[in-house]
Amino acid sequence: MELQGRVAVITGGSGGIGKAMGKAFLAEGATAVILADVSAEAVAAAAQEIGCESAVCNVTDEAQIQQLVDRTIERHGKIDLFCSNAGAGGPGVLTDAGNEVWQEQWELNVMSHLYAARAVLPAMIERGEGYLLNTASAAGLLAALGTGPYTVTKAAAVKLAEFISITHGDDGIGVSVLCPQGVNTAMAPRRLGDGQTDGIIEPEQLAETVVEALREQRFHVLPHPEVEEYVRRKGDDIERWLGGMRRLRRKSLSI
């Protein structure tokens, strides 16, 4: 997808990855970019900074996502690209993460993508074109140690994106899933010596990768290119990969 003349909606748009993508899309000639987030003040400030529109939306509420989509189509006539980007980390592993944490992560990291797809796909399919970019994480392709709810729900987010692509690719719908490691946002890893990331990149660098991936219609958007090789190794020998992850976990616990 070329972004020239396109209308894009970005949830989780008040800062970090969302705002950086919005700025990059505008630079590529997007007609309209709508940043959406749960905080009206924060998202309005972000939109004013980069010169676009803002909207308030809690992505765990399906009705609010539908309203966001309906208002955008009413104003601009279409949505070409919906970036379901909102997300947050969930602490804990298994026994130390309560059911409420798992449910919150499920709603935020999985159901929000489903709600977005339900809302935008009918009009996109009718037009015969449209694009979904869902933000997951390299943790969804591999694993993030010490955060079970996050890594499990991000894996589900990847699978959901795969399923949408399989089901609606013949309808003219493009799908990409964004799977970064560390990005210099509020969610950036606080420790870099345990081997769980190949470095912290800036949101603007990630946004450049997103623009390139959309242009090439790549399913996996990997701002840290090393992740592609890790996924290949995992697929080649799952037992070896699991053993390596256990070693990495022991190393992480000893730091």
C-alpha atoms as a PDB file:
ATOM      1  CA  MET A   1       0.000   0.000   0.000  1.00  0.00           C
ATOM      2  CA  GLU A   2       1.194   3.443  -0.947  1.00  0.00           C
ATOM      3  CA  LEU A   3       0.103   6.028   1.621  1.00  0.00           C
ATOM      4  CA  GLN A   4      -0.383   8.909  -0.799  1.00  0.00           C
ATOM      5  CA  GLY A   5      -4.014  10.022  -0.615  1.00  0.00           C
ATOM      6  CA  ARG A   6      -4.937   7.482   2.063  1.00  0.00           C
ATOM      7  CA  VAL A   7      -7.032   7.793   5.211  1.00  0.00           C
ATOM      8  CA  ALA A   8      -5.451   6.099   8.228  1.00  0.00           C
ATOM      9  CA  VAL A   9      -6.673   5.517  11.773  1.00  0.00           C
ATOM     10  CA  ILE A  10      -4.131   4.712  14.504  1.00  0.00           C
ATOM     11  CA  THR A  11      -5.150   3.591  17.980  1.00  0.00           C
ATOM     12  CA  GLY A  12      -2.705   4.011  20.831  1.00  0.00           C
ATOM     13  CA  GLY A  13      -1.818   7.231  19.064  1.00  0.00           C
ATOM     14  CA  SER A  14      -0.961   9.592  21.909  1.00  0.00           C
ATOM     15  CA  GLY A  15       2.768   8.849  21.819  1.00  0.00           C
ATOM     16  CA  GLY A  16       5.527   6.403  21.012  1.00  0.00           C
ATOM     17  CA  ILE A  17       4.854   4.076  18.093  1.00  0.00           C
ATOM     18  CA  GLY A  18       1.403   5.439  17.276  1.00  0.00           C
ATOM     19  CA  LYS A  19       2.438   9.061  17.004  1.00  0.00           C
ATOM     20  CA  ALA A  20       5.585   8.170  15.055  1.00  0.00           C
ATOM     21  CA  MET A  21       3.551   6.182  12.529  1.00  0.00           C
ATOM     22  CA  GLY A  22       1.104   9.048  12.160  1.00  0.00           C
ATOM     23  CA  LYS A  23       3.904  11.497  11.430  1.00  0.00           C
ATOM     24  CA  ALA A  24       5.457   9.120   8.906  1.00  0.00           C
ATOM     25  CA  PHE A  25       2.137   8.536   7.138  1.00  0.00           C
ATOM     26  CA  LEU A  26       1.577  12.272   6.782  1.00  0.00           C
ATOM     27  CA  ALA A  27       5.073  12.666   5.351  1.00  0.00           C
ATOM     28  CA  GLU A  28       4.180  10.002   2.784  1.00  0.00           C
ATOM     29  CA  GLY A  29       1.187  12.052   1.656  1.00  0.00           C
ATOM     30  CA  ALA A  30      -1.711  10.562   3.598  1.00  0.00           C
ATOM     31  CA  THR A  31      -4.840  12.692   3.146  1.00  0.00           C
ATOM     32  CA  ALA A  32      -5.947  12.217   6.743  1.00  0.00           C
ATOM     33  CA  VAL A  33      -4.516  10.593   9.854  1.00  0.00           C
ATOM     34  CA  ILE A  34      -6.661  10.117  12.934  1.00  0.00           C
ATOM     35  CA  LEU A  35      -4.837   9.393  16.187  1.00  0.00           C
ATOM     36  CA  ALA A  36      -7.067   7.716  18.765  1.00  0.00           C
ATOM     37  CA  ASP A  37      -6.380   6.992  22.410  1.00  0.00           C
ATOM     38  CA  VAL A  38      -8.117   6.678  25.747  1.00  0.00           C
ATOM     39  CA  SER A  39      -6.776  10.008  27.068  1.00  0.00           C
ATOM     40  CA  ALA A  40      -8.420  12.958  25.334  1.00  0.00           C
ATOM     41  CA  GLU A  41      -5.785  15.434  26.492  1.00  0.00           C
ATOM     42  CA  ALA A  42      -2.792  13.301  25.531  1.00  0.00           C
ATOM     43  CA  VAL A  43      -4.045  12.334  22.088  1.00  0.00           C
ATOM     44  CA  ALA A  44      -5.127  15.895  21.293  1.00  0.00           C
ATOM     45  CA  ALA A  45      -1.626  17.118  22.145  1.00  0.00           C
ATOM     46  CA  ALA A  46      -0.035  14.448  19.961  1.00  0.00           C
ATOM     47  CA  ALA A  47      -2.318  15.256  17.042  1.00  0.00           C
ATOM     48  CA  GLN A  48      -1.631  18.979  17.349  1.00  0.00           C
ATOM     49  CA  GLU A  49       2.108  18.290  17.387  1.00  0.00           C
ATOM     50  CA  ILE A  50       2.131  16.368  14.108  1.00  0.00           C
ATOM     51  CA  GLY A  51      -0.781  18.159  12.442  1.00  0.00           C
ATOM     52  CA  CYS A  52      -3.603  15.648  12.247  1.00  0.00           C
ATOM     53  CA  GLU A  53      -6.949  14.757  13.823  1.00  0.00           C
ATOM     54  CA  SER A  54      -7.565  13.124  17.183  1.00  0.00           C
ATOM     55  CA  ALA A  55     -10.296  10.984  18.702  1.00  0.00           C
ATOM     56  CA  VAL A  56     -10.993   9.430  22.063  1.00  0.00           C
ATOM     57  CA  CYS A  57     -11.409   5.654  22.077  1.00  0.00           C
ATOM     58  CA  ASN A  58     -11.066   2.861  24.608  1.00  0.00           C
ATOM     59  CA  VAL A  59     -10.143  -0.076  22.384  1.00  0.00           C
ATOM     60  CA  THR A  60     -11.429  -2.646  24.871  1.00  0.00           C
ATOM     61  CA  ASP A  61     -14.951  -1.299  24.251  1.00  0.00           C
ATOM     62  CA  GLU A  62     -16.266  -2.585  20.923  1.00  0.00           C
ATOM     63  CA  ALA A  63     -18.903   0.120  20.724  1.00  0.00           C
ATOM     64  CA  GLN A  64     -16.280   2.854  20.977  1.00  0.00           C
ATOM     65  CA  ILE A  65     -14.232   1.326  18.151  1.00  0.00           C
ATOM     66  CA  GLN A  66     -17.345   1.108  15.993  1.00  0.00           C
ATOM     67  CA  GLN A  67     -18.093   4.763  16.728  1.00  0.00           C
ATOM     68  CA  LEU A  68     -14.540   5.729  15.791  1.00  0.00           C
ATOM     69  CA  VAL A  69     -14.858   3.901  12.482  1.00  0.00           C
ATOM     70  CA  ASP A  70     -18.322   5.299  11.737  1.00  0.00           C
ATOM     71  CA  ARG A  71     -17.271   8.895  12.477  1.00  0.00           C
ATOM     72  CA  THR A  72     -14.172   8.580  10.318  1.00  0.00           C
ATOM     73  CA  ILE A  73     -16.075   7.161   7.357  1.00  0.00           C
ATOM     74  CA  GLU A  74     -18.771   9.812   7.749  1.00  0.00           C
ATOM     75  CA  ARG A  75     -16.140  12.553   7.654  1.00  0.00           C
ATOM     76  CA  HIS A  76     -13.696  11.156   5.096  1.00  0.00           C
ATOM     77  CA  GLY A  77     -15.765   8.664   3.137  1.00  0.00           C
ATOM     78  CA  LYS A  78     -13.476   5.724   3.809  1.00  0.00           C
ATOM     79  CA  ILE A  79     -10.756   4.159   5.921  1.00  0.00           C
ATOM     80  CA  ASP A  80      -7.872   2.790   3.868  1.00  0.00           C
ATOM     81  CA  LEU A  81      -5.624   1.731   6.740  1.00  0.00           C
ATOM     82  CA  PHE A  82      -6.558   0.845  10.295  1.00  0.00           C
ATOM     83  CA  CYS A  83      -3.598   0.488  12.655  1.00  0.00           C
ATOM     84  CA  SER A  84      -4.747  -1.390  15.755  1.00  0.00           C
ATOM     85  CA  ASN A  85      -1.789  -0.317  17.830  1.00  0.00           C
ATOM     86  CA  ALA A  86      -2.938   0.208  21.421  1.00  0.00           C
ATOM     87  CA  GLY A  87      -1.391  -2.138  23.960  1.00  0.00           C
ATOM     88  CA  ALA A  88       0.326  -2.457  27.313  1.00  0.00           C
ATOM     89  CA  GLY A  89       2.397  -4.937  29.265  1.00  0.00           C
ATOM     90  CA  GLY A  90       1.038  -7.381  31.808  1.00  0.00           C
ATOM     91  CA  PRO A  91       3.144  -8.356  34.819  1.00  0.00           C
ATOM     92  CA  GLY A  92       3.628 -11.824  36.187  1.00  0.00           C
ATOM     93  CA  VAL A  93       4.202 -15.338  34.911  1.00  0.00           C
ATOM     94  CA  LEU A  94       1.630 -17.966  35.940  1.00  0.00           C
ATOM     95  CA  THR A  95       0.948 -18.334  39.652  1.00  0.00           C
ATOM     96  CA  ASP A  96       1.825 -14.705  40.402  1.00  0.00           C
ATOM     97  CA  ALA A  97      -0.440 -13.216  37.712  1.00  0.00           C
ATOM     98  CA  GLY A  98      -4.081 -13.076  38.742  1.00  0.00           C
ATOM     99  CA  ASN A  99      -7.005 -13.813  36.471  1.00  0.00           C
ATOM    100  CA  GLU A 100      -7.770 -10.109  36.226  1.00  0.00           C
ATOM    101  CA  VAL A 101      -4.343  -9.446  34.681  1.00  0.00           C
ATOM    102  CA  TRP A 102      -4.802 -12.227  32.136  1.00  0.00           C
ATOM    103  CA  GLN A 103      -8.264 -10.940  31.240  1.00  0.00           C
ATOM    104  CA  GLU A 104      -7.100  -7.338  30.906  1.00  0.00           C
ATOM    105  CA  GLN A 105      -4.277  -8.423  28.616  1.00  0.00           C
ATOM    106  CA  TRP A 106      -6.658 -10.530  26.548  1.00  0.00           C
ATOM    107  CA  GLU A 107      -9.059  -7.635  26.093  1.00  0.00           C
ATOM    108  CA  LEU A 108      -6.323  -5.149  25.222  1.00  0.00           C
ATOM    109  CA  ASN A 109      -3.951  -7.269  23.145  1.00  0.00           C
ATOM    110  CA  VAL A 110      -6.394  -9.552  21.326  1.00  0.00           C
ATOM    111  CA  MET A 111     -10.024  -8.480  21.467  1.00  0.00           C
ATOM    112  CA  SER A 112      -9.183  -4.903  20.463  1.00  0.00           C
ATOM    113  CA  HIS A 113      -7.833  -6.240  17.143  1.00  0.00           C
ATOM    114  CA  LEU A 114     -10.955  -8.338  16.646  1.00  0.00           C
ATOM    115  CA  TYR A 115     -13.220  -5.373  17.394  1.00  0.00           C
ATOM    116  CA  ALA A 116     -11.294  -3.236  14.886  1.00  0.00           C
ATOM    117  CA  ALA A 117     -11.517  -5.884  12.163  1.00  0.00           C
ATOM    118  CA  ARG A 118     -15.251  -6.324  12.702  1.00  0.00           C
ATOM    119  CA  ALA A 119     -15.762  -2.575  12.442  1.00  0.00           C
ATOM    120  CA  VAL A 120     -13.694  -1.777   9.346  1.00  0.00           C
ATOM    121  CA  LEU A 121     -13.889  -4.915   7.217  1.00  0.00           C
ATOM    122  CA  PRO A 122     -17.452  -4.594   5.882  1.00  0.00           C
ATOM    123  CA  ALA A 123     -16.799  -1.249   4.164  1.00  0.00           C
ATOM    124  CA  MET A 124     -13.340  -2.329   3.020  1.00  0.00           C
ATOM    125  CA  ILE A 125     -14.670  -5.547   1.510  1.00  0.00           C
ATOM    126  CA  GLU A 126     -17.452  -3.618  -0.242  1.00  0.00           C
ATOM    127  CA  ARG A 127     -14.820  -1.325  -1.789  1.00  0.00           C
ATOM    128  CA  GLY A 128     -12.574  -4.273  -2.621  1.00  0.00           C
ATOM    129  CA  GLU A 129      -9.564  -2.840  -0.804  1.00  0.00           C
ATOM    130  CA  GLY A 130      -8.270  -1.957   2.641  1.00  0.00           C
ATOM    131  CA  TYR A 131      -5.426  -2.663   5.011  1.00  0.00           C
ATOM    132  CA  LEU A 132      -5.097  -3.720   8.639  1.00  0.00           C
ATOM    133  CA  LEU A 133      -1.868  -3.245  10.580  1.00  0.00           C
ATOM    134  CA  ASN A 134      -2.021  -4.942  13.975  1.00  0.00           C
ATOM    135  CA  THR A 135       0.683  -4.259  16.539  1.00  0.00           C
ATOM    136  CA  ALA A 136       1.776  -7.406  18.338  1.00  0.00           C
ATOM    137  CA  SER A 137       5.365  -7.968  19.475  1.00  0.00           C
ATOM    138  CA  ALA A 138       8.393 -10.135  18.850  1.00  0.00           C
ATOM    139  CA  ALA A 139       7.241 -11.730  22.102  1.00  0.00           C
ATOM    140  CA  GLY A 140       4.270 -13.072  20.169  1.00  0.00           C
ATOM    141  CA  LEU A 141       6.548 -14.799  17.684  1.00  0.00           C
ATOM    142  CA  LEU A 142       9.100 -15.924  20.272  1.00  0.00           C
ATOM    143  CA  ALA A 143       8.684 -15.288  24.018  1.00  0.00           C
ATOM    144  CA  ALA A 144       9.160 -12.594  26.627  1.00  0.00           C
ATOM    145  CA  LEU A 145      10.479 -13.934  29.902  1.00  0.00           C
ATOM    146  CA  GLY A 146       8.764 -12.890  33.097  1.00  0.00           C
ATOM    147  CA  THR A 147       5.544 -11.675  31.503  1.00  0.00           C
ATOM    148  CA  GLY A 148       3.243 -14.557  30.721  1.00  0.00           C
ATOM    149  CA  PRO A 149      -0.001 -12.642  30.091  1.00  0.00           C
ATOM    150  CA  TYR A 150       1.761 -10.331  27.645  1.00  0.00           C
ATOM    151  CA  THR A 151       3.619 -12.940  25.605  1.00  0.00           C
ATOM    152  CA  VAL A 152       0.667 -15.341  25.407  1.00  0.00           C
ATOM    153  CA  THR A 153      -1.811 -12.686  24.287  1.00  0.00           C
ATOM    154  CA  LYS A 154       0.648 -11.239  21.786  1.00  0.00           C
ATOM    155  CA  ALA A 155       1.003 -14.722  20.287  1.00  0.00           C
ATOM    156  CA  ALA A 156      -2.776 -14.820  19.976  1.00  0.00           C
ATOM    157  CA  ALA A 157      -2.664 -11.412  18.269  1.00  0.00           C
ATOM    158  CA  VAL A 158      -0.258 -12.790  15.667  1.00  0.00           C
ATOM    159  CA  LYS A 159      -2.529 -15.779  15.041  1.00  0.00           C
ATOM    160  CA  LEU A 160      -5.577 -13.510  14.695  1.00  0.00           C
ATOM    161  CA  ALA A 161      -3.752 -11.439  12.063  1.00  0.00           C
ATOM    162  CA  GLU A 162      -2.836 -14.623  10.211  1.00  0.00           C
ATOM    163  CA  PHE A 163      -6.464 -15.752  10.280  1.00  0.00           C
ATOM    164  CA  ILE A 164      -7.742 -12.414   8.955  1.00  0.00           C
ATOM    165  CA  SER A 165      -5.207 -12.525   6.124  1.00  0.00           C
ATOM    166  CA  ILE A 166      -6.200 -16.075   5.178  1.00  0.00           C
ATOM    167  CA  THR A 167      -9.919 -15.349   5.397  1.00  0.00           C
ATOM    168  CA  HIS A 168     -10.026 -11.970   3.648  1.00  0.00           C
ATOM    169  CA  GLY A 169      -6.928 -11.768   1.472  1.00  0.00           C
ATOM    170  CA  ASP A 170      -9.011 -12.719  -1.579  1.00  0.00           C
ATOM    171  CA  ASP A 171     -11.353  -9.823  -0.750  1.00  0.00           C
ATOM    172  CA  GLY A 172      -8.598  -7.296  -1.400  1.00  0.00           C
ATOM    173  CA  ILE A 173      -7.675  -6.904   2.276  1.00  0.00           C
ATOM    174  CA  GLY A 174      -4.019  -6.535   3.183  1.00  0.00           C
ATOM    175  CA  VAL A 175      -2.832  -7.510   6.656  1.00  0.00           C
ATOM    176  CA  SER A 176       0.456  -6.901   8.427  1.00  0.00           C
ATOM    177  CA  VAL A 177       1.476  -7.642  11.999  1.00  0.00           C
ATOM    178  CA  LEU A 178       4.046  -5.394  13.661  1.00  0.00           C
ATOM    179  CA  CYS A 179       6.422  -7.378  15.896  1.00  0.00           C
ATOM    180  CA  PRO A 180       9.179  -5.207  17.382  1.00  0.00           C
ATOM    181  CA  GLN A 181      11.535  -5.965  20.234  1.00  0.00           C
ATOM    182  CA  GLY A 182      12.599  -2.967  22.339  1.00  0.00           C
ATOM    183  CA  VAL A 183      11.377   0.471  21.284  1.00  0.00           C
ATOM    184  CA  ASN A 184      12.172   3.682  23.149  1.00  0.00           C
ATOM    185  CA  THR A 185       8.693   4.201  24.586  1.00  0.00           C
ATOM    186  CA  ALA A 186       7.128   3.816  28.011  1.00  0.00           C
ATOM    187  CA  MET A 187       7.158   0.044  27.410  1.00  0.00           C
ATOM    188  CA  ALA A 188      10.883  -0.202  26.654  1.00  0.00           C
ATOM    189  CA  PRO A 189      12.727  -2.970  28.522  1.00  0.00           C
ATOM    190  CA  ARG A 190      14.502  -1.696  31.604  1.00  0.00           C
ATOM    191  CA  ARG A 191      17.321  -4.254  31.394  1.00  0.00           C
ATOM    192  CA  LEU A 192      19.414  -4.823  28.293  1.00  0.00           C
ATOM    193  CA  GLY A 193      21.938  -7.346  29.583  1.00  0.00           C
ATOM    194  CA  ASP A 194      19.756 -10.447  29.765  1.00  0.00           C
ATOM    195  CA  GLY A 195      19.638 -11.164  26.034  1.00  0.00           C
ATOM    196  CA  GLN A 196      15.930 -10.483  25.528  1.00  0.00           C
ATOM    197  CA  THR A 197      16.338  -7.703  22.985  1.00  0.00           C
ATOM    198  CA  ASP A 198      18.748  -6.816  20.200  1.00  0.00           C
ATOM    199  CA  GLY A 199      18.717  -3.170  21.147  1.00  0.00           C
ATOM    200  CA  ILE A 200      16.318  -0.306  21.718  1.00  0.00           C
ATOM    201  CA  ILE A 201      15.291   1.552  18.566  1.00  0.00           C
ATOM    202  CA  GLU A 202      13.533   4.892  18.261  1.00  0.00           C
ATOM    203  CA  PRO A 203       9.845   5.011  17.290  1.00  0.00           C
ATOM    204  CA  GLU A 204      10.739   7.007  14.180  1.00  0.00           C
ATOM    205  CA  GLN A 205      13.002   4.189  12.967  1.00  0.00           C
ATOM    206  CA  LEU A 206      10.203   1.706  13.529  1.00  0.00           C
ATOM    207  CA  ALA A 207       7.805   3.917  11.575  1.00  0.00           C
ATOM    208  CA  GLU A 208      10.171   3.891   8.587  1.00  0.00           C
ATOM    209  CA  THR A 209      10.105   0.091   8.636  1.00  0.00           C
ATOM    210  CA  VAL A 210       6.303   0.147   8.777  1.00  0.00           C
ATOM    211  CA  VAL A 211       6.068   2.392   5.703  1.00  0.00           C
ATOM    212  CA  GLU A 212       8.399   0.074   3.779  1.00  0.00           C
ATOM    213  CA  ALA A 213       6.494  -3.026   4.856  1.00  0.00           C
ATOM    214  CA  LEU A 214       3.146  -1.530   3.862  1.00  0.00           C
ATOM    215  CA  ARG A 215       4.528  -0.607   0.458  1.00  0.00           C
ATOM    216  CA  GLU A 216       5.743  -4.181  -0.033  1.00  0.00           C
ATOM    217  CA  GLN A 217       2.682  -5.692   1.697  1.00  0.00           C
ATOM    218  CA  ARG A 218       4.833  -7.805   4.002  1.00  0.00           C
ATOM    219  CA  PHE A 219       2.902  -9.723   6.645  1.00  0.00           C
ATOM    220  CA  HIS A 220       5.651  -9.709   9.278  1.00  0.00           C
ATOM    221  CA  VAL A 221       6.872  -6.190  10.052  1.00  0.00           C
ATOM    222  CA  LEU A 222      10.150  -6.702  11.904  1.00  0.00           C
ATOM    223  CA  PRO A 223      11.955  -3.508  12.941  1.00  0.00           C
ATOM    224  CA  HIS A 224      14.581  -5.776  14.540  1.00  0.00           C
ATOM    225  CA  PRO A 225      15.584  -7.935  11.548  1.00  0.00           C
ATOM    226  CA  GLU A 226      17.268 -10.531  13.779  1.00  0.00           C
ATOM    227  CA  VAL A 227      13.811 -11.736  14.788  1.00  0.00           C
ATOM    228  CA  GLU A 228      13.282 -13.351  11.384  1.00  0.00           C
ATOM    229  CA  GLU A 229      16.240 -15.680  11.932  1.00  0.00           C
ATOM    230  CA  TYR A 230      15.124 -16.507  15.473  1.00  0.00           C
ATOM    231  CA  VAL A 231      11.676 -17.482  14.188  1.00  0.00           C
ATOM    232  CA  ARG A 232      13.272 -19.662  11.532  1.00  0.00           C
ATOM    233  CA  ARG A 233      15.425 -21.425  14.108  1.00  0.00           C
ATOM    234  CA  LYS A 234      12.400 -21.995  16.328  1.00  0.00           C
ATOM    235  CA  GLY A 235      10.544 -23.588  13.443  1.00  0.00           C
ATOM    236  CA  ASP A 236      13.508 -25.765  12.476  1.00  0.00           C
ATOM    237  CA  ASP A 237      14.019 -27.273  15.934  1.00  0.00           C
ATOM    238  CA  ILE A 238      11.474 -26.430  18.626  1.00  0.00           C
ATOM    239  CA  GLU A 239      13.167 -28.610  21.260  1.00  0.00           C
ATOM    240  CA  ARG A 240      16.465 -26.806  20.806  1.00  0.00           C
ATOM    241  CA  TRP A 241      14.691 -23.444  20.902  1.00  0.00           C
ATOM    242  CA  LEU A 242      12.891 -24.296  24.148  1.00  0.00           C
ATOM    243  CA  GLY A 243      16.165 -25.407  25.706  1.00  0.00           C
ATOM    244  CA  GLY A 244      17.809 -22.174  24.660  1.00  0.00           C
ATOM    245  CA  MET A 245      14.967 -20.137  26.136  1.00  0.00           C
ATOM    246  CA  ARG A 246      15.286 -21.986  29.446  1.00  0.00           C
ATOM    247  CA  ARG A 247      18.982 -21.139  29.497  1.00  0.00           C
ATOM    248  CA  LEU A 248      18.138 -17.523  28.749  1.00  0.00           C
ATOM    249  CA  ARG A 249      15.644 -17.534  31.610  1.00  0.00           C
ATOM    250  CA  ARG A 250      18.239 -18.857  34.042  1.00  0.00           C
ATOM    251  CA  LYS A 251      20.645 -16.156  32.890  1.00  0.00           C
ATOM    252  CA  SER A 252      17.972 -13.494  33.339  1.00  0.00           C
ATOM    253  CA  LEU A 253      17.201 -14.644  36.884  1.00  0.00           C
ATOM    254  CA  SER A 254      20.867 -14.487  37.836  1.00  0.00           C
ATOM    255  CA  ILE A 255      21.344 -10.856  36.796  1.00  0.00           C
END
